[in-house]
């Protein structure tokens, strides 16, 4: 009886393992299926459009020489982490572990001179530059390995946000035309976000900075260019370095959640009158600052008073989770544990 049970167990486990191998092989094979019918015609149309907009034939030939339809990019588009079912607590615990805080402080110290110089020039506290750098690319160590032209071509053809990605594809070709990076090094995320800043190509064209003066806006390899580009984005988007991003608060019992949200602004004095307090229960600051009550999950979770700079972080990424996490990491950089 025992022998028969053991044999059955082995068969069961082997069958599961075999099924897993088949599934993995099927997924791998799917990645290398021929491109959908019409993709080649779409690329030809894009090249014609780009040529009409001034992209040289040489760049077009280089950019599209090995272009492929990337099914993995389509799959990634449907499983973005900010939109998966989660809570702010679980999101923060994954995005801001203690090791990342420690590394952020170490790298702040390492690059302190250039960070503080850039911070003064652009009016942005360096801790926010480091927090965004860490949040977007793990301080430059993970920038994505998708060929940008293939990823954007795929997303532009795939259709869900075709117009948006087609514009980004044209912007990517402009970056190549301007000579900021070569095609073989032009890598990024599945969506075409690039470099240590994870800028989309249109953001690159609007905000990237050649801070080290070498003639290229190198957000891939130059920390100085990346820091200045982040600061320039924040500065041009309305950043105010005289204030922080916000603070965690406590709401009074029975607070009406309809009074929350980024669009509803009140002064700190008005929120004080409505019963909102610092997280430790003490009165709010007396500064004359407009703020919004942000409830990422519900009133049982973390609640924040968000200032103007929070709005700027939301322009970077339209996610309460992301903006709160960047703010939280910046606070951890500023206030080291004793």
Protein backbone atom coordinates (compact mmCIF):
# COMPACT_ATOMS: atom_id res chain seq x y z
CA UNK A 1 0.00 0.00 0.00
CA UNK A 2 2.79 2.41 1.00
CA UNK A 3 4.76 1.51 -2.15
CA UNK A 4 1.74 2.18 -4.39
CA UNK A 5 1.17 5.52 -2.64
CA UNK A 6 4.79 6.53 -3.17
CA UNK A 7 4.63 5.64 -6.85
CA UNK A 8 1.41 7.62 -7.24
CA UNK A 9 3.01 10.61 -5.53
CA UNK A 10 6.05 10.46 -7.82
CA UNK A 11 3.80 10.27 -10.89
CA UNK A 12 1.74 13.20 -9.60
CA UNK A 13 4.78 15.37 -8.92
CA UNK A 14 6.43 14.39 -12.18
CA UNK A 15 3.25 15.20 -14.06
CA UNK A 16 3.09 18.63 -12.45
CA UNK A 17 6.73 19.29 -13.25
CA UNK A 18 6.22 18.09 -16.81
CA UNK A 19 3.20 20.38 -17.20
CA UNK A 20 5.24 23.29 -15.87
CA UNK A 21 7.98 22.60 -18.42
CA UNK A 22 5.41 22.51 -21.22
CA UNK A 23 3.86 25.77 -20.03
CA UNK A 24 7.26 27.49 -19.81
CA UNK A 25 8.24 26.24 -23.26
CA UNK A 26 4.93 27.40 -24.71
CA UNK A 27 5.43 30.86 -23.21
CA UNK A 28 8.97 31.01 -24.60
CA UNK A 29 7.80 29.88 -28.00
CA UNK A 30 5.06 32.52 -28.02
CA UNK A 31 7.72 35.21 -27.65
CA UNK A 32 9.33 34.10 -30.88
CA UNK A 33 6.20 33.75 -32.99
CA UNK A 34 6.20 35.79 -36.19
CA UNK A 35 5.01 39.37 -35.81
CA UNK A 36 1.28 39.91 -36.33
CA UNK A 37 0.12 40.39 -39.88
CA UNK A 38 0.33 44.06 -40.68
CA UNK A 39 3.23 44.90 -38.33
CA UNK A 40 5.73 45.21 -41.21
CA UNK A 41 3.37 47.55 -43.07
CA UNK A 42 2.93 49.57 -39.90
CA UNK A 43 6.71 49.98 -39.54
CA UNK A 44 6.97 51.12 -43.14
CA UNK A 45 4.27 53.72 -42.49
CA UNK A 46 6.07 54.92 -39.35
CA UNK A 47 9.34 55.29 -41.26
CA UNK A 48 7.63 57.34 -43.93
CA UNK A 49 6.03 59.56 -41.31
CA UNK A 50 9.34 59.99 -39.47
CA UNK A 51 11.17 60.88 -42.69
CA UNK A 52 8.55 63.54 -43.37
CA UNK A 53 9.29 64.95 -39.90
CA UNK A 54 13.01 65.26 -40.63
CA UNK A 55 14.48 62.00 -39.35
CA UNK A 56 17.37 61.01 -41.59
CA UNK A 57 17.39 57.87 -43.69
CA UNK A 58 20.55 56.70 -41.92
CA UNK A 59 18.92 56.87 -38.48
CA UNK A 60 15.75 55.18 -39.73
CA UNK A 61 17.72 52.31 -41.21
CA UNK A 62 19.72 51.87 -38.01
CA UNK A 63 16.70 52.21 -35.72
CA UNK A 64 14.50 49.71 -37.54
CA UNK A 65 17.14 47.27 -38.79
CA UNK A 66 16.32 44.72 -36.07
CA UNK A 67 12.89 45.91 -34.96
CA UNK A 68 10.72 43.13 -33.54
CA UNK A 69 7.20 42.77 -32.18
CA UNK A 70 7.62 42.24 -28.44
CA UNK A 71 4.78 40.22 -26.94
CA UNK A 72 6.39 40.50 -23.53
CA UNK A 73 5.88 44.28 -23.64
CA UNK A 74 2.17 43.80 -24.32
CA UNK A 75 1.94 41.39 -21.39
CA UNK A 76 3.75 43.83 -19.09
CA UNK A 77 1.37 46.60 -20.08
CA UNK A 78 -1.51 44.60 -18.63
CA UNK A 79 0.13 43.98 -15.24
CA UNK A 80 1.55 47.31 -14.06
CA UNK A 81 2.44 47.15 -10.31
CA UNK A 82 0.84 50.48 -9.35
CA UNK A 83 -2.53 49.15 -10.50
CA UNK A 84 -2.49 45.65 -9.09
CA UNK A 85 -4.74 44.98 -6.13
CA UNK A 86 -2.62 45.97 -3.15
CA UNK A 87 -2.43 48.36 -0.21
CA UNK A 88 -0.12 51.28 0.39
CA UNK A 89 1.49 49.37 3.26
CA UNK A 90 2.42 46.38 1.10
CA UNK A 91 3.49 48.65 -1.75
CA UNK A 92 5.74 50.73 0.52
CA UNK A 93 7.26 47.68 2.18
CA UNK A 94 8.37 46.42 -1.24
CA UNK A 95 9.48 49.77 -2.63
CA UNK A 96 11.21 51.20 0.45
CA UNK A 97 12.90 48.37 2.36
CA UNK A 98 15.54 49.32 4.91
CA UNK A 99 18.38 48.35 2.58
CA UNK A 100 17.18 50.89 0.01
CA UNK A 101 17.01 53.65 2.62
CA UNK A 102 20.55 52.82 3.71
CA UNK A 103 21.78 52.81 0.12
CA UNK A 104 20.00 56.11 -0.60
CA UNK A 105 21.78 57.78 2.33
CA UNK A 106 25.14 56.37 1.25
CA UNK A 107 24.72 57.56 -2.34
CA UNK A 108 23.49 60.96 -1.19
CA UNK A 109 26.74 61.32 0.77
CA UNK A 110 28.81 60.07 -2.16
CA UNK A 111 27.28 62.57 -4.62
CA UNK A 112 26.56 65.31 -2.09
CA UNK A 113 28.58 68.06 -3.79
CA UNK A 114 26.94 67.73 -7.22
CA UNK A 115 23.50 67.06 -5.72
CA UNK A 116 23.59 70.20 -3.60
CA UNK A 117 24.90 72.27 -6.50
CA UNK A 118 22.09 71.04 -8.74
CA UNK A 119 19.57 71.47 -5.93
CA UNK A 120 20.47 75.16 -5.58
CA UNK A 121 20.47 75.78 -9.32
CA UNK A 122 17.05 74.22 -9.89
CA UNK A 123 15.37 74.90 -6.56
CA UNK A 124 14.85 71.24 -5.61
CA UNK A 125 15.89 69.57 -2.36
CA UNK A 126 18.50 66.89 -3.20
CA UNK A 127 16.75 64.23 -1.10
CA UNK A 128 13.87 64.24 -3.58
CA UNK A 129 16.28 63.82 -6.49
CA UNK A 130 17.78 60.78 -4.76
CA UNK A 131 14.33 59.41 -3.83
CA UNK A 132 13.13 59.55 -7.44
CA UNK A 133 16.43 58.11 -8.67
CA UNK A 134 16.04 55.20 -6.26
CA UNK A 135 12.36 54.67 -6.99
CA UNK A 136 12.69 54.71 -10.76
CA UNK A 137 15.86 52.75 -11.47
CA UNK A 138 17.21 51.55 -8.12
CA UNK A 139 19.86 54.29 -8.31
CA UNK A 140 20.67 53.53 -11.94
CA UNK A 141 21.25 49.81 -11.47
CA UNK A 142 18.08 48.71 -13.26
CA UNK A 143 17.14 50.69 -16.36
CA UNK A 144 15.37 48.02 -18.39
CA UNK A 145 16.70 45.89 -21.22
CA UNK A 146 14.01 46.30 -23.87
CA UNK A 147 15.18 47.85 -27.16
CA UNK A 148 13.32 51.16 -27.03
CA UNK A 149 12.36 51.30 -30.70
CA UNK A 150 10.99 47.75 -30.69
CA UNK A 151 9.09 48.28 -27.43
CA UNK A 152 7.50 51.52 -28.60
CA UNK A 153 6.76 50.13 -32.06
CA UNK A 154 5.00 47.18 -30.43
CA UNK A 155 2.93 49.35 -28.12
CA UNK A 156 2.07 51.78 -30.92
CA UNK A 157 0.86 48.87 -33.06
CA UNK A 158 -0.86 46.98 -30.23
CA UNK A 159 -3.62 49.59 -30.11
CA UNK A 160 -4.63 50.14 -26.48
CA UNK A 161 -2.81 53.50 -26.35
CA UNK A 162 -1.65 53.58 -29.95
CA UNK A 163 -1.63 57.35 -30.43
CA UNK A 164 0.33 57.99 -27.23
CA UNK A 165 3.00 55.40 -28.03
CA UNK A 166 3.30 56.50 -31.64
CA UNK A 167 4.16 60.01 -30.46
CA UNK A 168 6.69 58.53 -28.05
CA UNK A 169 8.20 56.50 -30.90
CA UNK A 170 8.67 59.68 -32.93
CA UNK A 171 10.29 61.34 -29.92
CA UNK A 172 12.62 58.33 -29.54
CA UNK A 173 13.72 58.67 -33.15
CA UNK A 174 14.41 62.36 -32.53
CA UNK A 175 16.67 61.42 -29.60
CA UNK A 176 18.65 59.14 -31.91
CA UNK A 177 18.76 61.84 -34.58
CA UNK A 178 20.19 64.31 -32.04
CA UNK A 179 22.95 61.84 -31.18
CA UNK A 180 22.40 61.46 -27.45
CA UNK A 181 22.77 57.67 -27.60
CA UNK A 182 23.49 54.95 -30.16
CA UNK A 183 20.86 52.45 -31.29
CA UNK A 184 22.63 49.46 -29.73
CA UNK A 185 22.57 51.13 -26.29
CA UNK A 186 19.06 52.54 -26.64
CA UNK A 187 17.41 50.37 -23.99
CA UNK A 188 14.61 50.94 -21.51
CA UNK A 189 11.47 49.50 -19.99
CA UNK A 190 8.71 47.61 -21.80
CA UNK A 191 6.94 50.97 -22.23
CA UNK A 192 10.00 52.82 -23.51
CA UNK A 193 10.90 54.57 -20.24
CA UNK A 194 14.62 55.19 -20.34
CA UNK A 195 17.75 55.55 -18.29
CA UNK A 196 18.38 56.31 -14.65
CA UNK A 197 15.42 58.70 -14.65
CA UNK A 198 13.08 56.38 -16.57
CA UNK A 199 11.92 59.30 -18.72
CA UNK A 200 9.61 58.61 -21.60
CA UNK A 201 11.13 59.98 -24.84
CA UNK A 202 8.85 63.04 -24.85
CA UNK A 203 9.91 63.87 -21.28
CA UNK A 204 13.53 63.43 -22.32
CA UNK A 205 13.11 66.02 -25.07
CA UNK A 206 11.42 68.42 -22.65
CA UNK A 207 13.51 67.99 -19.51
CA UNK A 208 16.78 66.08 -20.04
CA UNK A 209 19.93 68.10 -19.29
CA UNK A 210 23.55 67.83 -20.45
CA UNK A 211 24.90 68.83 -17.06
CA UNK A 212 28.46 67.58 -17.53
CA UNK A 213 28.78 69.47 -20.82
CA UNK A 214 29.91 66.56 -23.02
CA UNK A 215 27.40 67.36 -25.75
CA UNK A 216 25.00 64.53 -24.89
CA UNK A 217 22.05 64.35 -22.51
CA UNK A 218 23.18 61.04 -21.09
CA UNK A 219 20.55 59.89 -18.58
CA UNK A 220 21.83 56.32 -19.05
CA UNK A 221 25.47 56.66 -18.00
CA UNK A 222 25.94 60.04 -16.31
CA UNK A 223 24.70 60.53 -12.75
CA UNK A 224 25.14 64.30 -13.08
CA UNK A 225 22.96 64.42 -16.20
CA UNK A 226 20.38 62.19 -14.51
CA UNK A 227 20.26 64.31 -11.32
CA UNK A 228 19.95 67.57 -13.25
CA UNK A 229 17.28 66.09 -15.51
CA UNK A 230 15.19 65.00 -12.50
CA UNK A 231 15.62 68.43 -10.91
CA UNK A 232 14.73 70.19 -14.17
CA UNK A 233 11.55 68.12 -14.51
CA UNK A 234 10.47 69.00 -10.97
CA UNK A 235 11.43 72.65 -11.30
CA UNK A 236 9.58 73.17 -14.58
CA UNK A 237 6.55 71.36 -13.16
CA UNK A 238 6.13 73.81 -10.28
CA UNK A 239 8.34 72.51 -7.46
CA UNK A 240 8.73 74.73 -4.38
CA UNK A 241 11.85 74.00 -2.34
CA UNK A 242 10.63 76.14 0.57
CA UNK A 243 8.20 73.37 1.56
CA UNK A 244 8.18 69.58 1.69
CA UNK A 245 5.81 67.17 -0.05
CA UNK A 246 3.30 66.60 2.76
CA UNK A 247 2.94 64.74 6.04
CA UNK A 248 1.08 61.81 7.51
CA UNK A 249 -1.90 62.95 9.61
CA UNK A 250 -4.81 61.74 11.73
CA UNK A 251 -8.39 62.44 10.76
CA UNK A 252 -11.18 63.18 13.23
CA UNK A 253 -13.86 60.56 13.83
CA UNK A 254 -16.52 60.63 11.15
CA UNK A 255 -14.38 62.52 8.62
CA UNK A 256 -16.22 62.79 5.30
CA UNK A 257 -14.09 61.05 2.67
CA UNK A 258 -15.73 63.29 0.07
CA UNK A 259 -13.51 66.05 1.48
CA UNK A 260 -10.39 64.25 0.26
CA UNK A 261 -8.60 64.16 -3.07
CA UNK A 262 -5.88 66.10 -4.82
CA UNK A 263 -8.29 68.62 -6.36
CA UNK A 264 -9.75 69.80 -3.06
CA UNK A 265 -7.43 72.36 -1.44
CA UNK A 266 -7.73 74.03 1.95
CA UNK A 267 -5.27 75.94 4.09
CA UNK A 268 -3.62 74.18 7.02
CA UNK A 269 -5.64 76.44 9.33
CA UNK A 270 -8.87 75.26 7.70
CA UNK A 271 -7.87 71.61 8.04
CA UNK A 272 -6.98 72.28 11.67
CA UNK A 273 -10.48 73.67 12.26
CA UNK A 274 -11.95 70.53 10.66
CA UNK A 275 -10.08 68.37 13.18
CA UNK A 276 -7.11 67.16 11.14
CA UNK A 277 -3.98 66.77 13.26
CA UNK A 278 -0.37 65.66 12.89
CA UNK A 279 0.12 61.92 13.16
CA UNK A 280 1.22 62.30 16.79
CA UNK A 281 -2.00 64.17 17.61
CA UNK A 282 -0.49 67.66 17.91
CA UNK A 283 -1.64 70.74 16.01
CA UNK A 284 -0.78 71.26 12.36
CA UNK A 285 1.92 73.78 11.42
CA UNK A 286 0.82 77.40 11.23
CA UNK A 287 2.34 77.98 7.77
CA UNK A 288 0.00 79.42 5.19
CA UNK A 289 0.11 76.41 2.88
CA UNK A 290 -2.67 74.94 0.78
CA UNK A 291 -3.05 71.19 1.14
CA UNK A 292 -5.22 68.24 0.17
CA UNK A 293 -6.22 65.26 2.28
CA UNK A 294 -5.01 62.14 0.47
CA UNK A 295 -6.50 58.76 1.42
CA UNK A 296 -4.67 56.17 -0.74
CA UNK A 297 -6.71 53.21 0.57
CA UNK A 298 -9.28 54.07 3.23
CA UNK A 299 -9.41 55.93 6.55
CA UNK A 300 -8.08 52.84 8.34
CA UNK A 301 -4.81 53.13 6.42
CA UNK A 302 -2.25 55.92 6.14
CA UNK A 303 -3.67 59.38 5.45
CA UNK A 304 -1.67 62.40 4.33
CA UNK A 305 -1.90 66.15 3.98
CA UNK A 306 -0.32 66.72 0.58
CA UNK A 307 1.22 70.02 -0.49
CA UNK A 308 2.00 71.54 -3.88
CA UNK A 309 5.07 69.35 -4.36
CA UNK A 310 2.89 66.25 -4.06
CA UNK A 311 0.96 67.52 -7.09
CA UNK A 312 4.28 67.72 -8.96
CA UNK A 313 5.13 64.13 -8.02
CA UNK A 314 1.73 63.13 -9.35
CA UNK A 315 2.61 64.70 -12.70
CA UNK A 316 5.64 62.42 -12.76
CA UNK A 317 3.50 59.33 -12.10
CA UNK A 318 -0.29 59.50 -11.67
CA UNK A 319 -0.36 57.14 -8.72
CA UNK A 320 -1.01 58.03 -5.08
CA UNK A 321 1.05 55.00 -4.11
CA UNK A 322 4.05 56.15 -6.13
CA UNK A 323 3.93 59.77 -4.96
CA UNK A 324 3.48 58.83 -1.29
CA UNK A 325 6.32 56.32 -1.53
CA UNK A 326 8.73 58.85 -3.07
CA UNK A 327 7.80 61.33 -0.35
CA UNK A 328 8.28 58.68 2.34
CA UNK A 329 11.70 57.69 0.98
CA UNK A 330 12.76 61.34 0.86
CA UNK A 331 11.78 61.68 4.53
CA UNK A 332 13.78 58.57 5.45
CA UNK A 333 16.81 60.07 3.67
CA UNK A 334 16.38 63.34 5.56
CA UNK A 335 15.78 61.85 8.99
CA UNK A 336 18.24 59.00 9.62
CA UNK A 337 17.45 56.61 12.46
CA UNK A 338 19.30 57.39 15.67
